Amino acid sequence: MSGDFTGQVALDGPSGTGKSSVARAVAARLGAAYLDTGAMYRAATVAVLDAGVDPEDAEAVAAAVAAARIEVGTAAGTELVQVDDVDVAVRIRGPEVTRAVSAVSAVPSVRRRLVDQQRALVAAADAVVVEGRDIGTVVLPGATLKVYLTAAPEARAQRRAAQLGLSTPDEIAELAADLRRRDEYDSSRADSPLRPAEDAVVVDSTHLDREGVVDRVVELALSTVGAAS
């Protein structure tokens, strides 16, 4: 662990690149807070589904999210995700939420509401690692370090399959197709599209294990300390 780092690490990238596990590990190594903004959008999706709202109905989605109390913790060692005081940390990773989250997160008023919440959580921390899809471009454009984590769709599908306990070629191919569809959806939306910030460091994890990626991001973060001193 290094307590030398102060500031904000923005870690962006598409689904399946290992952002969450990398960001948690980086936060632990740096002694920093950790914020998973994707968990916030997934929690908002739980609120939408529980309200019986069609995820494609933007007005109804906005109302359902506005009425919900969404809480996400910032401790790297534990996962706290609640909707109206109910623990949804496991549920947000399920297929029902995964299918609907892109539509919910594309609603501009939902993004504005959750970005305000994200910035408030970041402001309370001296050092924080924030992961998502628009951190370096929208949420924290002045972040100390911006990293865009990417990997080939096939590698991402293999990793996601391992997480879900899937192993057949057909299952992996279906996951890869789903990842490509989500990439297209997220990168083509009008509000806060998925893309690297102009000053982001791109890290391709296709041929790196998690520890290799963590080492690289920690090295980049600590180099900002040296540059500032």
Protein backbone atom coordinates (compact mmCIF):
# COMPACT_ATOMS: atom_id res chain seq x y z
CA MET A 1 0.00 0.00 0.00
CA SER A 2 1.15 3.54 -0.71
CA GLY A 3 -0.33 6.54 1.05
CA ASP A 4 1.65 8.93 -1.13
CA PHE A 5 -1.07 9.31 -3.75
CA THR A 6 -3.67 12.02 -3.39
CA GLY A 7 -6.07 12.87 -6.15
CA GLN A 8 -8.38 11.06 -8.51
CA VAL A 9 -7.80 8.09 -10.80
CA ALA A 10 -10.46 7.88 -13.51
CA LEU A 11 -10.67 4.35 -14.93
CA ASP A 12 -12.92 4.02 -17.98
CA GLY A 13 -13.58 1.29 -20.48
CA PRO A 14 -16.18 -1.04 -21.95
CA SER A 15 -17.88 -3.92 -20.15
CA GLY A 16 -15.84 -7.04 -19.52
CA THR A 17 -12.39 -5.44 -19.32
CA GLY A 18 -12.02 -6.13 -15.61
CA LYS A 19 -12.46 -2.51 -14.55
CA SER A 20 -14.11 -3.31 -11.24
CA SER A 21 -11.55 -5.83 -9.99
CA VAL A 22 -8.66 -3.69 -11.25
CA ALA A 23 -10.07 -0.48 -9.74
CA ARG A 24 -10.66 -2.12 -6.36
CA ALA A 25 -7.13 -3.52 -6.29
CA VAL A 26 -5.61 -0.21 -7.35
CA ALA A 27 -7.57 1.61 -4.64
CA ALA A 28 -6.37 -0.87 -2.02
CA ARG A 29 -2.76 -0.51 -3.16
CA LEU A 30 -2.97 3.29 -3.08
CA GLY A 31 -4.91 3.46 0.19
CA ALA A 32 -7.66 5.26 -1.71
CA ALA A 33 -11.45 5.24 -1.71
CA TYR A 34 -13.17 3.36 -4.54
CA LEU A 35 -16.31 4.22 -6.47
CA ASP A 36 -18.01 1.91 -8.97
CA THR A 37 -20.27 4.20 -10.97
CA GLY A 38 -21.54 1.27 -13.02
CA ALA A 39 -23.03 -0.16 -9.82
CA MET A 40 -24.98 3.08 -9.43
CA TYR A 41 -26.51 2.75 -12.90
CA ARG A 42 -27.28 -0.90 -12.23
CA ALA A 43 -28.93 0.06 -8.93
CA ALA A 44 -30.99 2.65 -10.82
CA THR A 45 -32.00 -0.12 -13.20
CA VAL A 46 -33.20 -2.21 -10.24
CA ALA A 47 -35.37 0.73 -9.21
CA VAL A 48 -36.80 0.95 -12.72
CA LEU A 49 -37.55 -2.76 -12.93
CA ASP A 50 -39.11 -2.83 -9.46
CA ALA A 51 -41.34 0.07 -10.46
CA GLY A 52 -42.62 -2.00 -13.39
CA VAL A 53 -41.34 0.58 -15.85
CA ASP A 54 -40.32 -0.14 -19.45
CA PRO A 55 -36.56 0.68 -19.64
CA GLU A 56 -37.16 2.23 -23.07
CA ASP A 57 -39.68 4.75 -21.65
CA ALA A 58 -37.29 7.59 -20.81
CA GLU A 59 -39.82 9.74 -18.95
CA ALA A 60 -41.01 6.88 -16.74
CA VAL A 61 -37.41 5.76 -16.15
CA ALA A 62 -36.45 9.26 -15.01
CA ALA A 63 -39.38 9.37 -12.57
CA ALA A 64 -38.59 5.93 -11.13
CA VAL A 65 -34.94 6.80 -10.54
CA ALA A 66 -35.82 10.17 -9.03
CA ALA A 67 -38.11 8.44 -6.55
CA ALA A 68 -35.49 5.88 -5.46
CA ARG A 69 -32.83 6.22 -2.79
CA ILE A 70 -29.60 4.82 -4.27
CA GLU A 71 -26.55 4.31 -2.07
CA VAL A 72 -23.14 3.00 -3.16
CA GLY A 73 -20.22 2.67 -0.75
CA THR A 74 -16.64 3.83 -1.34
CA ALA A 75 -14.64 1.25 0.65
CA ALA A 76 -12.37 -0.83 -1.60
CA GLY A 77 -12.69 -3.90 0.59
CA THR A 78 -16.47 -4.17 0.73
CA GLU A 79 -19.36 -3.75 -1.69
CA LEU A 80 -22.30 -1.67 -0.54
CA VAL A 81 -25.09 -1.18 -3.07
CA GLN A 82 -28.58 -0.41 -1.82
CA VAL A 83 -31.87 0.75 -3.30
CA ASP A 84 -34.29 2.12 -0.72
CA ASP A 85 -32.20 0.48 2.04
CA VAL A 86 -32.36 -2.97 0.40
CA ASP A 87 -29.06 -4.70 -0.46
CA VAL A 88 -28.92 -5.29 -4.23
CA ALA A 89 -25.17 -5.96 -4.59
CA VAL A 90 -25.77 -9.45 -5.98
CA ARG A 91 -28.89 -8.67 -7.97
CA ILE A 92 -27.31 -5.86 -9.99
CA ARG A 93 -24.99 -8.39 -11.69
CA GLY A 94 -27.85 -10.60 -12.89
CA PRO A 95 -29.01 -10.95 -16.51
CA GLU A 96 -32.26 -8.99 -16.05
CA VAL A 97 -30.39 -5.88 -14.93
CA THR A 98 -27.60 -6.40 -17.46
CA ARG A 99 -30.11 -6.44 -20.34
CA ALA A 100 -31.75 -3.18 -19.24
CA VAL A 101 -28.90 -1.09 -17.84
CA SER A 102 -27.74 0.47 -21.13
CA ALA A 103 -31.22 1.85 -21.86
CA VAL A 104 -31.62 3.21 -18.33
CA SER A 105 -28.16 4.77 -18.25
CA ALA A 106 -28.75 6.49 -21.59
CA VAL A 107 -31.51 8.70 -20.13
CA PRO A 108 -29.96 12.19 -19.73
CA SER A 109 -31.76 13.11 -16.51
CA VAL A 110 -30.67 9.83 -14.92
CA ARG A 111 -27.07 10.51 -15.86
CA ARG A 112 -27.21 14.07 -14.50
CA ARG A 113 -28.69 12.89 -11.20
CA LEU A 114 -26.14 10.12 -10.70
CA VAL A 115 -23.18 12.23 -11.87
CA ASP A 116 -24.06 14.82 -9.20
CA GLN A 117 -24.09 12.00 -6.61
CA GLN A 118 -20.77 10.64 -7.91
CA ARG A 119 -19.07 14.02 -7.71
CA ALA A 120 -20.28 14.51 -4.14
CA LEU A 121 -18.78 11.16 -3.11
CA VAL A 122 -15.49 11.99 -4.83
CA ALA A 123 -15.31 15.40 -3.16
CA ALA A 124 -15.36 13.70 0.24
CA ALA A 125 -12.16 11.70 -0.45
CA ASP A 126 -8.53 12.84 -0.53
CA ALA A 127 -7.64 9.93 -2.80
CA VAL A 128 -10.13 7.97 -4.90
CA VAL A 129 -10.26 5.52 -7.80
CA VAL A 130 -13.44 5.93 -9.85
CA GLU A 131 -14.42 3.48 -12.55
CA GLY A 132 -17.08 3.69 -15.23
CA ARG A 133 -17.64 4.72 -18.82
CA ASP A 134 -17.53 8.53 -18.77
CA ILE A 135 -15.37 9.36 -15.74
CA GLY A 136 -12.48 11.03 -17.59
CA THR A 137 -14.71 12.72 -20.15
CA VAL A 138 -17.69 13.89 -18.07
CA VAL A 139 -17.66 13.08 -14.35
CA LEU A 140 -14.06 14.08 -13.54
CA PRO A 141 -12.52 15.81 -16.57
CA GLY A 142 -9.84 17.24 -14.27
CA ALA A 143 -8.85 13.86 -12.76
CA THR A 144 -5.22 13.47 -11.71
CA LEU A 145 -4.87 10.37 -13.90
CA LYS A 146 -7.16 9.06 -16.63
CA VAL A 147 -6.85 5.46 -17.79
CA TYR A 148 -8.90 3.82 -20.54
CA LEU A 149 -8.89 0.05 -20.10
CA THR A 150 -9.66 -2.01 -23.18
CA ALA A 151 -9.38 -5.60 -24.43
CA ALA A 152 -10.46 -7.65 -27.44
CA PRO A 153 -14.13 -8.74 -27.28
CA GLU A 154 -13.12 -12.41 -27.31
CA ALA A 155 -10.86 -11.95 -24.28
CA ARG A 156 -13.57 -9.99 -22.48
CA ALA A 157 -16.10 -12.75 -23.25
CA GLN A 158 -13.76 -15.40 -21.84
CA ARG A 159 -13.37 -13.41 -18.62
CA ARG A 160 -17.09 -12.78 -18.27
CA ALA A 161 -17.80 -16.48 -18.94
CA ALA A 162 -15.42 -17.46 -16.15
CA GLN A 163 -17.21 -15.09 -13.77
CA LEU A 164 -20.60 -16.58 -14.70
CA GLY A 165 -19.46 -20.22 -14.74
CA LEU A 166 -20.04 -20.63 -18.48
CA SER A 167 -17.69 -22.64 -20.68
CA THR A 168 -19.18 -23.84 -23.97
CA PRO A 169 -18.14 -22.19 -27.26
CA ASP A 170 -21.75 -21.17 -27.96
CA GLU A 171 -22.08 -19.50 -24.55
CA ILE A 172 -18.83 -17.60 -25.01
CA ALA A 173 -19.78 -16.55 -28.56
CA GLU A 174 -23.12 -15.25 -27.27
CA LEU A 175 -21.35 -13.27 -24.55
CA ALA A 176 -18.97 -11.77 -27.13
CA ALA A 177 -21.93 -10.74 -29.30
CA ASP A 178 -23.65 -9.17 -26.27
CA LEU A 179 -20.49 -7.22 -25.43
CA ARG A 180 -20.23 -5.91 -28.99
CA ARG A 181 -23.89 -4.81 -28.91
CA ARG A 182 -23.38 -3.01 -25.60
CA ASP A 183 -20.21 -1.34 -26.90
CA GLU A 184 -22.17 -0.05 -29.89
CA TYR A 185 -25.05 1.15 -27.70
CA ASP A 186 -22.81 2.89 -25.18
CA SER A 187 -20.47 4.48 -27.72
CA SER A 188 -23.27 5.80 -29.95
CA ARG A 189 -25.58 7.32 -27.32
CA ALA A 190 -26.00 11.08 -27.56
CA ASP A 191 -25.35 11.81 -23.87
CA SER A 192 -21.90 10.91 -22.47
CA PRO A 193 -20.88 8.31 -25.05
CA LEU A 194 -18.24 5.73 -24.20
CA ARG A 195 -14.88 6.97 -25.49
CA PRO A 196 -11.37 7.61 -24.13
CA ALA A 197 -10.60 11.09 -22.85
CA GLU A 198 -8.11 12.89 -25.09
CA ASP A 199 -5.47 12.76 -22.34
CA ALA A 200 -6.20 9.22 -21.15
CA VAL A 201 -3.54 6.52 -21.06
CA VAL A 202 -4.90 3.51 -22.97
CA VAL A 203 -4.07 0.16 -21.35
CA ASP A 204 -4.87 -2.94 -23.43
CA SER A 205 -5.42 -5.88 -21.09
CA THR A 206 -5.96 -8.52 -23.79
CA HIS A 207 -2.65 -10.20 -22.99
CA LEU A 208 -2.25 -9.05 -19.37
CA ASP A 209 -3.51 -10.70 -16.21
CA ARG A 210 -5.21 -8.62 -13.55
CA GLU A 211 -2.06 -8.10 -11.51
CA GLY A 212 -0.21 -6.84 -14.57
CA VAL A 213 -2.91 -4.26 -15.21
CA VAL A 214 -3.02 -3.24 -11.54
CA ASP A 215 0.77 -2.81 -11.48
CA ARG A 216 0.60 -0.59 -14.57
CA VAL A 217 -2.16 1.66 -13.21
CA VAL A 218 -0.49 1.99 -9.78
CA GLU A 219 2.77 2.89 -11.51
CA LEU A 220 1.00 5.57 -13.55
CA ALA A 221 -0.76 6.95 -10.46
CA LEU A 222 2.42 7.18 -8.41
CA SER A 223 4.23 8.82 -11.30
CA THR A 224 1.76 11.72 -11.04
CA VAL A 225 2.94 12.22 -7.45
CA GLY A 226 6.52 12.52 -8.63
CA ALA A 227 5.53 14.87 -11.45
CA ALA A 228 3.71 17.13 -8.99
CA SER A 229 6.56 17.29 -6.46
